[in-house]
Protein backbone atom coordinates (compact mmCIF):
# COMPACT_ATOMS: atom_id res chain seq x y z
CA UNK A 1 0.00 0.00 0.00
CA UNK A 2 1.45 3.34 -1.02
CA UNK A 3 1.81 6.19 1.46
CA UNK A 4 -1.07 8.51 0.65
CA UNK A 5 -3.26 11.17 2.15
CA UNK A 6 -6.67 12.30 0.99
CA UNK A 7 -5.78 15.85 1.97
CA UNK A 8 -2.50 16.35 0.09
CA UNK A 9 -2.71 18.28 -3.15
CA UNK A 10 0.95 18.24 -4.21
CA UNK A 11 2.54 15.04 -5.42
CA UNK A 12 5.81 15.92 -3.72
CA UNK A 13 4.25 17.00 -0.43
CA UNK A 14 4.90 14.87 2.63
CA UNK A 15 1.51 13.31 3.43
CA UNK A 16 -0.13 14.38 6.67
CA UNK A 17 -1.13 10.75 7.22
CA UNK A 18 1.43 8.11 6.35
CA UNK A 19 0.35 4.55 5.64
CA UNK A 20 2.62 1.54 5.83
CA UNK A 21 1.53 -2.07 5.34
CA UNK A 22 3.89 -4.74 6.66
CA UNK A 23 2.53 -8.24 6.41
CA UNK A 24 -1.06 -7.89 7.58
CA UNK A 25 -0.44 -4.88 9.85
CA UNK A 26 -1.36 -1.41 8.58
CA UNK A 27 0.32 1.47 10.42
CA UNK A 28 -1.23 4.94 10.19
CA UNK A 29 1.17 7.68 11.25
CA UNK A 30 -0.14 11.15 12.08
CA UNK A 31 2.45 13.28 10.33
CA UNK A 32 2.10 16.86 11.57
CA UNK A 33 4.85 16.95 14.22
CA UNK A 34 5.24 20.72 13.84
CA UNK A 35 1.58 21.05 14.87
CA UNK A 36 1.56 18.37 17.54
CA UNK A 37 0.12 15.82 15.08
CA UNK A 38 -3.15 17.63 15.70
CA UNK A 39 -6.49 16.75 14.16
CA UNK A 40 -7.15 19.39 11.55
CA UNK A 41 -10.17 18.77 9.35
CA UNK A 42 -7.76 17.49 6.70
CA UNK A 43 -6.21 15.04 9.16
CA UNK A 44 -9.65 13.81 10.23
CA UNK A 45 -10.58 13.32 6.56
CA UNK A 46 -7.36 11.41 5.89
CA UNK A 47 -7.94 9.14 8.89
CA UNK A 48 -11.56 8.57 7.88
CA UNK A 49 -10.51 7.61 4.36
CA UNK A 50 -7.84 5.23 5.65
CA UNK A 51 -10.28 3.57 8.04
CA UNK A 52 -12.95 3.19 5.35
CA UNK A 53 -10.55 1.80 2.76
CA UNK A 54 -8.82 -0.66 5.12
CA UNK A 55 -12.15 -2.04 6.33
CA UNK A 56 -12.57 -3.68 2.92
CA UNK A 57 -8.92 -4.66 2.43
CA UNK A 58 -8.41 -8.39 2.96
CA UNK A 59 -4.67 -7.82 3.41
CA UNK A 60 -5.24 -5.76 6.57
CA UNK A 61 -5.75 -7.78 9.76
CA UNK A 62 -4.64 -5.17 12.34
CA UNK A 63 -4.32 -1.37 12.39
CA UNK A 64 -1.81 0.63 14.43
CA UNK A 65 -2.21 4.38 14.93
CA UNK A 66 0.86 6.38 15.99
CA UNK A 67 2.17 9.93 15.91
CA UNK A 68 5.30 11.13 14.14
CA UNK A 69 8.16 11.80 16.53
CA UNK A 70 8.71 11.15 20.22
CA UNK A 71 7.24 14.30 21.79
CA UNK A 72 3.54 14.24 20.86
CA UNK A 73 1.23 11.38 19.90
CA UNK A 74 -1.61 13.78 19.15
CA UNK A 75 -2.40 17.13 20.77
CA UNK A 76 -6.09 17.03 19.90
CA UNK A 77 -7.83 19.45 17.55
CA UNK A 78 -5.80 22.06 15.71
CA UNK A 79 -6.50 25.16 17.82
CA UNK A 80 -5.04 27.50 15.21
CA UNK A 81 -7.60 26.18 12.73
CA UNK A 82 -10.32 26.48 15.37
CA UNK A 83 -9.44 30.11 16.03
CA UNK A 84 -9.23 31.04 12.36
CA UNK A 85 -12.50 29.35 11.36
CA UNK A 86 -14.50 29.49 14.58
CA UNK A 87 -18.24 29.67 14.02
CA UNK A 88 -21.25 27.55 15.02
CA UNK A 89 -21.17 25.86 11.61
CA UNK A 90 -17.46 25.05 11.86
CA UNK A 91 -17.75 23.75 15.44
CA UNK A 92 -20.62 21.49 14.45
CA UNK A 93 -18.76 20.19 11.40
CA UNK A 94 -15.57 19.56 13.37
CA UNK A 95 -17.40 17.69 16.14
CA UNK A 96 -19.50 15.68 13.68
CA UNK A 97 -16.60 14.61 11.45
CA UNK A 98 -14.33 13.79 14.37
CA UNK A 99 -17.06 11.81 16.15
CA UNK A 100 -17.72 9.80 12.99
CA UNK A 101 -14.02 9.02 12.66
CA UNK A 102 -13.76 7.90 16.30
CA UNK A 103 -16.80 5.67 15.88
CA UNK A 104 -15.20 4.20 12.77
CA UNK A 105 -12.28 3.07 14.94
CA UNK A 106 -14.67 1.19 17.23
CA UNK A 107 -16.77 -0.17 14.35
CA UNK A 108 -13.76 -1.16 12.22
CA UNK A 109 -13.76 -4.92 11.58
CA UNK A 110 -10.06 -5.10 12.43
CA UNK A 111 -8.53 -4.49 15.87
CA UNK A 112 -7.03 -1.02 16.22
CA UNK A 113 -3.98 -0.46 18.43
CA UNK A 114 -2.92 2.99 19.63
CA UNK A 115 0.87 3.25 19.97
CA UNK A 116 1.56 6.23 22.21
CA UNK A 117 4.82 8.12 22.42
CA UNK A 118 4.90 11.52 24.06
CA UNK A 119 1.74 13.40 24.95
CA UNK A 120 -1.83 12.35 24.07
CA UNK A 121 -4.29 15.12 24.92
CA UNK A 122 -7.94 15.97 24.27
CA UNK A 123 -8.98 14.36 20.96
CA UNK A 124 -5.58 12.65 20.89
CA UNK A 125 -6.50 10.92 24.13
CA UNK A 126 -9.88 10.19 22.53
CA UNK A 127 -8.11 8.12 19.88
CA UNK A 128 -6.38 6.14 22.63
CA UNK A 129 -9.66 5.57 24.48
CA UNK A 130 -11.46 4.59 21.26
CA UNK A 131 -8.83 2.06 20.16
CA UNK A 132 -9.30 -1.60 21.03
CA UNK A 133 -5.83 -1.78 22.58
CA UNK A 134 -3.33 0.86 23.65
CA UNK A 135 0.40 0.53 24.30
CA UNK A 136 2.34 3.41 25.79
CA UNK A 137 5.97 4.36 26.13
CA UNK A 138 7.01 4.80 29.74
CA UNK A 139 7.52 8.52 29.12
CA UNK A 140 4.03 9.00 27.62
CA UNK A 141 1.60 11.45 29.21
CA UNK A 142 -2.18 11.76 28.98
CA UNK A 143 -4.61 14.63 29.60
CA UNK A 144 -7.98 16.17 28.82
CA UNK A 145 -6.80 19.78 29.31
CA UNK A 146 -9.70 21.65 27.74
CA UNK A 147 -11.01 22.80 31.12
CA UNK A 148 -7.80 24.80 31.57
CA UNK A 149 -8.71 27.08 28.66
CA UNK A 150 -12.46 27.20 29.20
CA UNK A 151 -13.32 24.28 26.91
CA UNK A 152 -14.63 21.07 28.48
CA UNK A 153 -13.34 18.07 26.51
CA UNK A 154 -16.85 17.15 25.44
CA UNK A 155 -16.35 14.56 22.72
CA UNK A 156 -13.23 13.04 24.34
CA UNK A 157 -15.29 12.44 27.49
CA UNK A 158 -17.55 10.07 25.51
CA UNK A 159 -14.70 7.70 24.71
CA UNK A 160 -12.88 8.24 28.00
CA UNK A 161 -16.00 7.59 30.07
CA UNK A 162 -16.44 4.26 28.31
CA UNK A 163 -12.82 3.21 28.67
CA UNK A 164 -12.24 3.88 32.39
CA UNK A 165 -14.33 4.23 35.54
CA UNK A 166 -16.47 7.35 35.99
CA UNK A 167 -14.41 8.73 38.86
CA UNK A 168 -11.14 8.32 37.00
CA UNK A 169 -12.65 9.94 33.90
CA UNK A 170 -13.98 12.86 35.93
CA UNK A 171 -10.60 13.28 37.64
CA UNK A 172 -8.94 13.76 34.27
CA UNK A 173 -11.72 15.98 32.91
CA UNK A 174 -11.93 18.21 35.98
CA UNK A 175 -8.22 18.60 36.68
CA UNK A 176 -6.98 19.03 33.12
CA UNK A 177 -3.54 17.93 34.25
CA UNK A 178 -1.10 15.52 32.64
CA UNK A 179 -1.07 11.98 34.01
CA UNK A 180 1.81 9.61 33.50
CA UNK A 181 1.75 6.24 31.78
CA UNK A 182 1.63 4.36 35.08
CA UNK A 183 -1.60 6.15 35.99
CA UNK A 184 -3.05 5.45 32.54
CA UNK A 185 -2.23 1.78 33.02
CA UNK A 186 -3.74 1.65 36.51
CA UNK A 187 -7.06 3.08 35.36
CA UNK A 188 -7.24 0.87 32.29
CA UNK A 189 -6.67 3.51 29.63
CA UNK A 190 -3.67 1.59 28.27
CA UNK A 191 -3.01 -2.13 28.20
CA UNK A 192 0.75 -2.16 28.60
CA UNK A 193 3.70 0.13 29.20
CA UNK A 194 7.01 -0.46 27.48
CA UNK A 195 10.38 1.20 27.93
CA UNK A 196 10.62 3.89 25.27
CA UNK A 197 13.20 2.03 23.23
CA UNK A 198 11.10 -1.17 23.28
CA UNK A 199 7.68 0.25 22.38
CA UNK A 200 7.98 -0.59 18.67
CA UNK A 201 8.93 -4.15 19.55
CA UNK A 202 6.04 -4.55 22.00
CA UNK A 203 3.43 -3.25 19.57
CA UNK A 204 4.83 -5.26 16.67
CA UNK A 205 4.63 -8.43 18.75
CA UNK A 206 1.04 -7.71 19.84
CA UNK A 207 -0.05 -6.86 16.30
CA UNK A 208 1.61 -9.97 14.85
CA UNK A 209 -0.07 -12.19 17.45
CA UNK A 210 -3.51 -10.84 16.51
CA UNK A 211 -2.81 -10.78 12.76
CA UNK A 212 -2.11 -14.53 12.93
CA UNK A 213 -5.72 -15.23 13.96
CA UNK A 214 -8.69 -15.76 11.65
CA UNK A 215 -9.76 -12.31 10.38
CA UNK A 216 -13.36 -13.53 10.18
CA UNK A 217 -13.38 -14.69 13.78
CA UNK A 218 -11.70 -11.54 15.06
CA UNK A 219 -14.14 -9.28 13.18
CA UNK A 220 -17.14 -11.24 14.46
CA UNK A 221 -15.77 -11.19 18.00
CA UNK A 222 -14.93 -7.49 18.02
CA UNK A 223 -18.37 -6.48 16.75
CA UNK A 224 -20.05 -8.87 19.17
CA UNK A 225 -18.05 -7.60 22.14
CA UNK A 226 -19.07 -3.97 21.70
CA UNK A 227 -22.70 -4.72 20.83
CA UNK A 228 -23.35 -6.91 23.85
CA UNK A 229 -22.00 -4.32 26.28
CA UNK A 230 -25.12 -2.19 25.86
CA UNK A 231 -27.53 -5.10 26.28
CA UNK A 232 -29.18 -6.53 29.36
CA UNK A 233 -27.58 -9.74 30.64
CA UNK A 234 -30.28 -12.05 29.17
CA UNK A 235 -30.19 -10.23 25.82
CA UNK A 236 -26.40 -10.37 25.75
CA UNK A 237 -26.41 -14.13 26.24
CA UNK A 238 -29.10 -14.57 23.59
CA UNK A 239 -27.08 -12.48 21.15
CA UNK A 240 -23.89 -14.40 22.00
CA UNK A 241 -25.77 -17.64 21.30
CA UNK A 242 -26.67 -16.38 17.83
CA UNK A 243 -23.03 -15.55 17.21
CA UNK A 244 -22.00 -19.05 18.34
CA UNK A 245 -24.05 -20.51 15.48
CA UNK A 246 -22.55 -18.10 12.94
CA UNK A 247 -19.04 -18.78 14.21
CA UNK A 248 -19.38 -22.56 14.26
CA UNK A 249 -20.70 -22.61 10.68
CA UNK A 250 -17.81 -20.50 9.36
CA UNK A 251 -15.14 -22.07 7.16
CA UNK A 252 -12.41 -20.71 9.41
CA UNK A 253 -13.89 -22.51 12.41
CA UNK A 254 -13.83 -25.81 10.55
CA UNK A 255 -10.28 -25.11 9.41
CA UNK A 256 -9.14 -24.11 12.89
CA UNK A 257 -10.62 -27.18 14.56
CA UNK A 258 -9.21 -29.42 11.86
CA UNK A 259 -5.77 -27.89 12.18
CA UNK A 260 -5.84 -28.32 15.95
CA UNK A 261 -6.77 -32.01 15.66
CA UNK A 262 -4.17 -32.58 12.94
CA UNK A 263 -1.52 -30.59 14.83
CA UNK A 264 -0.79 -28.18 11.98
CA UNK A 265 -0.97 -24.45 11.40
CA UNK A 266 -4.39 -23.33 10.11
CA UNK A 267 -4.79 -21.66 6.73
CA UNK A 268 -7.44 -18.99 7.21
CA UNK A 269 -9.88 -18.18 4.41
CA UNK A 270 -11.44 -15.17 6.11
CA UNK A 271 -14.96 -16.56 6.01
């Protein structure tokens, strides 16, 4: 897959979103280090396009989202753009497009891993909270700092409040201060912490482990996991029972069981 960006007009311009496919792992790199890898409307559009396109790409089994450089994963929305274009119409468009993109991370058929170096704030933290898994460098920091400048982190709170407990979410939202990676791990915002120099290795190992599984089974399981969370306990079990039937009738299930019995590596068909 070539490195592209929906927002770049010049052929020679460095894309604001870099794409790199290695094996079955697609890495999306936010490439605006001079602007804190912030989410301008162009960046949101580029991410949305990449998510939409990869959802139908059989070669992609796992996505990794990272920021360019070691200082900032993503600083949230581009405040310079906000100031220059601020209006009710712009605010509504920005919130709507960003919310759709975040929901596309959750709804994506492939697992999405946030790889966090440096600071993840506001909508940058929202990406982390929306991802299925998150790995952080030991030096990483996390915040919802909007309250410090008179802006409650309204859309980030939606993802954050679903990723951690209410009291921990409110602590971040009310204080606006930076929390270290150990705190993020304790409250369940990130899955693992790695020494800075070993973060690439840790994420690559996690992505490879998942990419080796049946893409059909993983997609069915991811969708089922999020859907059942909003159901009552009886409805969740009924829904899970329906998924059991679909899963057991899949070609990959037959292949996986056969491979286990025959003590060989399965050859997934993705269906």
